[in-house]
Amino acid sequence: MIKCHLARLMGERKLKIADVARETGLHRNTVTLLYDETAARVELETMDRLCNLFDCTVGELFERKS
């Protein structure tokens, strides 16, 4: 199972879903699915935009839980 740390990263910076969508150019629904950890798949471009916004690595954004 893959865990997405988007909600934590957003909380640390006090960002809302609309803020992340606006700053990354991602669709609000895409951000919501990742925030709620209900996304079935994630595009590489999406991961790149989120990593750029939060100045983090993919490993800091996503984690594999066994």
PDB file of N, CA and C in Angstrom:
ATOM      1  N   MET A   1       0.841  -1.188   0.000  1.00  0.00           N
ATOM      2  CA  MET A   1       0.000   0.000   0.000  1.00  0.00           C
ATOM      3  C   MET A   1       0.880   1.243   0.000  1.00  0.00           C
ATOM      4  N   ILE A   2       0.489   2.204  -0.806  1.00  0.00           N
ATOM      5  CA  ILE A   2       1.232   3.458  -0.908  1.00  0.00           C
ATOM      6  C   ILE A   2       0.514   4.527  -0.089  1.00  0.00           C
ATOM      7  N   LYS A   3       1.269   5.202   0.764  1.00  0.00           N
ATOM      8  CA  LYS A   3       0.727   6.282   1.594  1.00  0.00           C
ATOM      9  C   LYS A   3       1.178   7.605   1.002  1.00  0.00           C
ATOM     10  N   CYS A   4       0.241   8.536   0.863  1.00  0.00           N
ATOM     11  CA  CYS A   4       0.542   9.867   0.342  1.00  0.00           C
ATOM     12  C   CYS A   4       0.571  10.851   1.506  1.00  0.00           C
ATOM     13  N   HIS A   5       1.632  11.617   1.597  1.00  0.00           N
ATOM     14  CA  HIS A   5       1.809  12.563   2.694  1.00  0.00           C
ATOM     15  C   HIS A   5       1.396  13.997   2.318  1.00  0.00           C
ATOM     16  N   LEU A   6       0.564  14.115   1.289  1.00  0.00           N
ATOM     17  CA  LEU A   6       0.150  15.442   0.843  1.00  0.00           C
ATOM     18  C   LEU A   6      -0.583  16.214   1.941  1.00  0.00           C
ATOM     19  N   ALA A   7      -1.477  15.548   2.650  1.00  0.00           N
ATOM     20  CA  ALA A   7      -2.248  16.230   3.705  1.00  0.00           C
ATOM     21  C   ALA A   7      -1.316  16.788   4.777  1.00  0.00           C
ATOM     22  N   ARG A   8      -0.298  16.026   5.155  1.00  0.00           N
ATOM     23  CA  ARG A   8       0.656  16.486   6.174  1.00  0.00           C
ATOM     24  C   ARG A   8       1.463  17.677   5.656  1.00  0.00           C
ATOM     25  N   LEU A   9       1.949  17.567   4.423  1.00  0.00           N
ATOM     26  CA  LEU A   9       2.739  18.653   3.842  1.00  0.00           C
ATOM     27  C   LEU A   9       1.906  19.935   3.726  1.00  0.00           C
ATOM     28  N   MET A  10       0.653  19.783   3.338  1.00  0.00           N
ATOM     29  CA  MET A  10      -0.224  20.943   3.241  1.00  0.00           C
ATOM     30  C   MET A  10      -0.484  21.541   4.618  1.00  0.00           C
ATOM     31  N   GLY A  11      -0.701  20.699   5.605  1.00  0.00           N
ATOM     32  CA  GLY A  11      -0.952  21.168   6.959  1.00  0.00           C
ATOM     33  C   GLY A  11       0.224  21.940   7.534  1.00  0.00           C
ATOM     34  N   GLU A  12       1.432  21.453   7.261  1.00  0.00           N
ATOM     35  CA  GLU A  12       2.639  22.123   7.755  1.00  0.00           C
ATOM     36  C   GLU A  12       2.758  23.538   7.184  1.00  0.00           C
ATOM     37  N   ARG A  13       2.269  23.729   5.968  1.00  0.00           N
ATOM     38  CA  ARG A  13       2.367  25.028   5.308  1.00  0.00           C
ATOM     39  C   ARG A  13       1.046  25.796   5.324  1.00  0.00           C
ATOM     40  N   LYS A  14       0.046  25.213   5.986  1.00  0.00           N
ATOM     41  CA  LYS A  14      -1.285  25.822   6.101  1.00  0.00           C
ATOM     42  C   LYS A  14      -1.879  26.152   4.726  1.00  0.00           C
ATOM     43  N   LEU A  15      -1.752  25.198   3.799  1.00  0.00           N
ATOM     44  CA  LEU A  15      -2.299  25.359   2.463  1.00  0.00           C
ATOM     45  C   LEU A  15      -3.620  24.612   2.341  1.00  0.00           C
ATOM     46  N   LYS A  16      -4.516  25.148   1.552  1.00  0.00           N
ATOM     47  CA  LYS A  16      -5.788  24.497   1.262  1.00  0.00           C
ATOM     48  C   LYS A  16      -5.683  23.814  -0.101  1.00  0.00           C
ATOM     49  N   ILE A  17      -6.631  22.937  -0.375  1.00  0.00           N
ATOM     50  CA  ILE A  17      -6.641  22.235  -1.659  1.00  0.00           C
ATOM     51  C   ILE A  17      -6.653  23.234  -2.811  1.00  0.00           C
ATOM     52  N   ALA A  18      -7.443  24.281  -2.677  1.00  0.00           N
ATOM     53  CA  ALA A  18      -7.509  25.302  -3.730  1.00  0.00           C
ATOM     54  C   ALA A  18      -6.158  25.988  -3.929  1.00  0.00           C
ATOM     55  N   ASP A  19      -5.423  26.208  -2.853  1.00  0.00           N
ATOM     56  CA  ASP A  19      -4.090  26.831  -2.946  1.00  0.00           C
ATOM     57  C   ASP A  19      -3.146  25.951  -3.754  1.00  0.00           C
ATOM     58  N   VAL A  20      -3.141  24.655  -3.431  1.00  0.00           N
ATOM     59  CA  VAL A  20      -2.249  23.712  -4.116  1.00  0.00           C
ATOM     60  C   VAL A  20      -2.640  23.614  -5.588  1.00  0.00           C
ATOM     61  N   ALA A  21      -3.921  23.528  -5.866  1.00  0.00           N
ATOM     62  CA  ALA A  21      -4.387  23.448  -7.258  1.00  0.00           C
ATOM     63  C   ALA A  21      -3.957  24.688  -8.039  1.00  0.00           C
ATOM     64  N   ARG A  22      -4.135  25.844  -7.452  1.00  0.00           N
ATOM     65  CA  ARG A  22      -3.778  27.100  -8.120  1.00  0.00           C
ATOM     66  C   ARG A  22      -2.270  27.200  -8.352  1.00  0.00           C
ATOM     67  N   GLU A  23      -1.480  26.860  -7.352  1.00  0.00           N
ATOM     68  CA  GLU A  23      -0.026  27.024  -7.459  1.00  0.00           C
ATOM     69  C   GLU A  23       0.644  25.984  -8.347  1.00  0.00           C
ATOM     70  N   THR A  24       0.026  24.810  -8.494  1.00  0.00           N
ATOM     71  CA  THR A  24       0.614  23.754  -9.323  1.00  0.00           C
ATOM     72  C   THR A  24      -0.014  23.661 -10.705  1.00  0.00           C
ATOM     73  N   GLY A  25      -1.213  24.229 -10.860  1.00  0.00           N
ATOM     74  CA  GLY A  25      -1.922  24.092 -12.130  1.00  0.00           C
ATOM     75  C   GLY A  25      -2.636  22.757 -12.256  1.00  0.00           C
ATOM     76  N   LEU A  26      -2.659  21.975 -11.177  1.00  0.00           N
ATOM     77  CA  LEU A  26      -3.354  20.693 -11.182  1.00  0.00           C
ATOM     78  C   LEU A  26      -4.845  20.917 -10.974  1.00  0.00           C
ATOM     79  N   HIS A  27      -5.632  19.990 -11.485  1.00  0.00           N
ATOM     80  CA  HIS A  27      -7.084  20.061 -11.288  1.00  0.00           C
ATOM     81  C   HIS A  27      -7.380  19.852  -9.807  1.00  0.00           C
ATOM     82  N   ARG A  28      -8.352  20.588  -9.305  1.00  0.00           N
ATOM     83  CA  ARG A  28      -8.718  20.488  -7.885  1.00  0.00           C
ATOM     84  C   ARG A  28      -9.073  19.050  -7.491  1.00  0.00           C
ATOM     85  N   ASN A  29      -9.759  18.324  -8.380  1.00  0.00           N
ATOM     86  CA  ASN A  29     -10.146  16.948  -8.094  1.00  0.00           C
ATOM     87  C   ASN A  29      -8.917  16.050  -7.918  1.00  0.00           C
ATOM     88  N   THR A  30      -7.880  16.286  -8.699  1.00  0.00           N
ATOM     89  CA  THR A  30      -6.642  15.515  -8.583  1.00  0.00           C
ATOM     90  C   THR A  30      -6.023  15.717  -7.206  1.00  0.00           C
ATOM     91  N   VAL A  31      -5.953  16.948  -6.772  1.00  0.00           N
ATOM     92  CA  VAL A  31      -5.392  17.263  -5.458  1.00  0.00           C
ATOM     93  C   VAL A  31      -6.249  16.644  -4.353  1.00  0.00           C
ATOM     94  N   THR A  32      -7.562  16.714  -4.501  1.00  0.00           N
ATOM     95  CA  THR A  32      -8.477  16.151  -3.506  1.00  0.00           C
ATOM     96  C   THR A  32      -8.291  14.646  -3.375  1.00  0.00           C
ATOM     97  N   LEU A  33      -8.176  13.941  -4.496  1.00  0.00           N
ATOM     98  CA  LEU A  33      -7.983  12.490  -4.459  1.00  0.00           C
ATOM     99  C   LEU A  33      -6.683  12.115  -3.750  1.00  0.00           C
ATOM    100  N   LEU A  34      -5.637  12.871  -3.992  1.00  0.00           N
ATOM    101  CA  LEU A  34      -4.368  12.605  -3.319  1.00  0.00           C
ATOM    102  C   LEU A  34      -4.443  12.970  -1.840  1.00  0.00           C
ATOM    103  N   TYR A  35      -5.090  14.067  -1.531  1.00  0.00           N
ATOM    104  CA  TYR A  35      -5.254  14.512  -0.147  1.00  0.00           C
ATOM    105  C   TYR A  35      -6.021  13.461   0.662  1.00  0.00           C
ATOM    106  N   ASP A  36      -7.075  12.923   0.066  1.00  0.00           N
ATOM    107  CA  ASP A  36      -7.904  11.914   0.735  1.00  0.00           C
ATOM    108  C   ASP A  36      -7.330  10.500   0.622  1.00  0.00           C
ATOM    109  N   GLU A  37      -6.241  10.365  -0.106  1.00  0.00           N
ATOM    110  CA  GLU A  37      -5.583   9.075  -0.365  1.00  0.00           C
ATOM    111  C   GLU A  37      -6.532   8.079  -1.017  1.00  0.00           C
ATOM    112  N   THR A  38      -7.314   8.556  -1.980  1.00  0.00           N
ATOM    113  CA  THR A  38      -8.230   7.686  -2.719  1.00  0.00           C
ATOM    114  C   THR A  38      -7.870   7.595  -4.198  1.00  0.00           C
ATOM    115  N   ALA A  39      -6.767   8.221  -4.608  1.00  0.00           N
ATOM    116  CA  ALA A  39      -6.347   8.184  -6.011  1.00  0.00           C
ATOM    117  C   ALA A  39      -5.909   6.767  -6.380  1.00  0.00           C
ATOM    118  N   ALA A  40      -6.343   6.303  -7.541  1.00  0.00           N
ATOM    119  CA  ALA A  40      -5.975   4.972  -8.026  1.00  0.00           C
ATOM    120  C   ALA A  40      -4.629   5.001  -8.750  1.00  0.00           C
ATOM    121  N   ARG A  41      -4.295   6.149  -9.320  1.00  0.00           N
ATOM    122  CA  ARG A  41      -3.010   6.298 -10.011  1.00  0.00           C
ATOM    123  C   ARG A  41      -2.592   7.756  -9.983  1.00  0.00           C
ATOM    124  N   VAL A  42      -1.303   7.981 -10.194  1.00  0.00           N
ATOM    125  CA  VAL A  42      -0.769   9.343 -10.170  1.00  0.00           C
ATOM    126  C   VAL A  42       0.166   9.517 -11.359  1.00  0.00           C
ATOM    127  N   GLU A  43      -0.046  10.554 -12.119  1.00  0.00           N
ATOM    128  CA  GLU A  43       0.807  10.856 -13.257  1.00  0.00           C
ATOM    129  C   GLU A  43       2.167  11.375 -12.770  1.00  0.00           C
ATOM    130  N   LEU A  44       3.212  11.100 -13.536  1.00  0.00           N
ATOM    131  CA  LEU A  44       4.547  11.587 -13.184  1.00  0.00           C
ATOM    132  C   LEU A  44       4.582  13.113 -13.132  1.00  0.00           C
ATOM    133  N   GLU A  45       3.886  13.753 -14.053  1.00  0.00           N
ATOM    134  CA  GLU A  45       3.834  15.222 -14.074  1.00  0.00           C
ATOM    135  C   GLU A  45       3.210  15.765 -12.788  1.00  0.00           C
ATOM    136  N   THR A  46       2.196  15.075 -12.278  1.00  0.00           N
ATOM    137  CA  THR A  46       1.546  15.479 -11.026  1.00  0.00           C
ATOM    138  C   THR A  46       2.527  15.396  -9.874  1.00  0.00           C
ATOM    139  N   MET A  47       3.254  14.277  -9.794  1.00  0.00           N
ATOM    140  CA  MET A  47       4.245  14.123  -8.726  1.00  0.00           C
ATOM    141  C   MET A  47       5.319  15.196  -8.832  1.00  0.00           C
ATOM    142  N   ASP A  48       5.754  15.487 -10.052  1.00  0.00           N
ATOM    143  CA  ASP A  48       6.788  16.503 -10.255  1.00  0.00           C
ATOM    144  C   ASP A  48       6.316  17.877  -9.791  1.00  0.00           C
ATOM    145  N   ARG A  49       5.094  18.247 -10.132  1.00  0.00           N
ATOM    146  CA  ARG A  49       4.566  19.557  -9.730  1.00  0.00           C
ATOM    147  C   ARG A  49       4.431  19.662  -8.210  1.00  0.00           C
ATOM    148  N   LEU A  50       3.967  18.591  -7.572  1.00  0.00           N
ATOM    149  CA  LEU A  50       3.829  18.614  -6.114  1.00  0.00           C
ATOM    150  C   LEU A  50       5.197  18.659  -5.430  1.00  0.00           C
ATOM    151  N   CYS A  51       6.143  17.909  -5.941  1.00  0.00           N
ATOM    152  CA  CYS A  51       7.494  17.941  -5.364  1.00  0.00           C
ATOM    153  C   CYS A  51       8.123  19.312  -5.524  1.00  0.00           C
ATOM    154  N   ASN A  52       7.881  19.961  -6.644  1.00  0.00           N
ATOM    155  CA  ASN A  52       8.397  21.324  -6.847  1.00  0.00           C
ATOM    156  C   ASN A  52       7.766  22.293  -5.862  1.00  0.00           C
ATOM    157  N   LEU A  53       6.462  22.202  -5.682  1.00  0.00           N
ATOM    158  CA  LEU A  53       5.766  23.107  -4.765  1.00  0.00           C
ATOM    159  C   LEU A  53       6.254  22.939  -3.332  1.00  0.00           C
ATOM    160  N   PHE A  54       6.392  21.702  -2.894  1.00  0.00           N
ATOM    161  CA  PHE A  54       6.769  21.436  -1.501  1.00  0.00           C
ATOM    162  C   PHE A  54       8.274  21.273  -1.309  1.00  0.00           C
ATOM    163  N   ASP A  55       9.036  21.428  -2.392  1.00  0.00           N
ATOM    164  CA  ASP A  55      10.490  21.279  -2.337  1.00  0.00           C
ATOM    165  C   ASP A  55      10.864  19.983  -1.618  1.00  0.00           C
ATOM    166  N   CYS A  56      10.298  18.875  -2.115  1.00  0.00           N
ATOM    167  CA  CYS A  56      10.540  17.577  -1.494  1.00  0.00           C
ATOM    168  C   CYS A  56      10.838  16.543  -2.572  1.00  0.00           C
ATOM    169  N   THR A  57      11.231  15.367  -2.148  1.00  0.00           N
ATOM    170  CA  THR A  57      11.469  14.263  -3.065  1.00  0.00           C
ATOM    171  C   THR A  57      10.201  13.421  -3.164  1.00  0.00           C
ATOM    172  N   VAL A  58      10.169  12.548  -4.155  1.00  0.00           N
ATOM    173  CA  VAL A  58       9.032  11.639  -4.300  1.00  0.00           C
ATOM    174  C   VAL A  58       8.903  10.772  -3.050  1.00  0.00           C
ATOM    175  N   GLY A  59      10.035  10.376  -2.475  1.00  0.00           N
ATOM    176  CA  GLY A  59      10.037   9.560  -1.266  1.00  0.00           C
ATOM    177  C   GLY A  59       9.486  10.283  -0.046  1.00  0.00           C
ATOM    178  N   GLU A  60       9.537  11.600  -0.055  1.00  0.00           N
ATOM    179  CA  GLU A  60       8.948  12.375   1.040  1.00  0.00           C
ATOM    180  C   GLU A  60       7.454  12.602   0.826  1.00  0.00           C
ATOM    181  N   LEU A  61       7.021  12.522  -0.428  1.00  0.00           N
ATOM    182  CA  LEU A  61       5.613  12.709  -0.764  1.00  0.00           C
ATOM    183  C   LEU A  61       4.838  11.392  -0.659  1.00  0.00           C
ATOM    184  N   PHE A  62       5.485  10.307  -1.081  1.00  0.00           N
ATOM    185  CA  PHE A  62       4.849   8.985  -1.044  1.00  0.00           C
ATOM    186  C   PHE A  62       5.714   8.015  -0.264  1.00  0.00           C
ATOM    187  N   GLU A  63       5.052   7.054   0.389  1.00  0.00           N
ATOM    188  CA  GLU A  63       5.753   6.051   1.184  1.00  0.00           C
ATOM    189  C   GLU A  63       5.060   4.717   0.967  1.00  0.00           C
ATOM    190  N   ARG A  64       5.838   3.660   0.845  1.00  0.00           N
ATOM    191  CA  ARG A  64       5.269   2.321   0.705  1.00  0.00           C
ATOM    192  C   ARG A  64       5.135   1.697   2.077  1.00  0.00           C
ATOM    193  N   LYS A  65       3.900   1.373   2.439  1.00  0.00           N
ATOM    194  CA  LYS A  65       3.625   0.722   3.712  1.00  0.00           C
ATOM    195  C   LYS A  65       3.313  -0.738   3.448  1.00  0.00           C
ATOM    196  N   SER A  66       3.859  -1.619   4.265  1.00  0.00           N
ATOM    197  CA  SER A  66       3.542  -3.038   4.062  1.00  0.00           C
ATOM    198  C   SER A  66       2.490  -3.525   5.008  1.00  0.00           C
TER     199      SER A  66
END
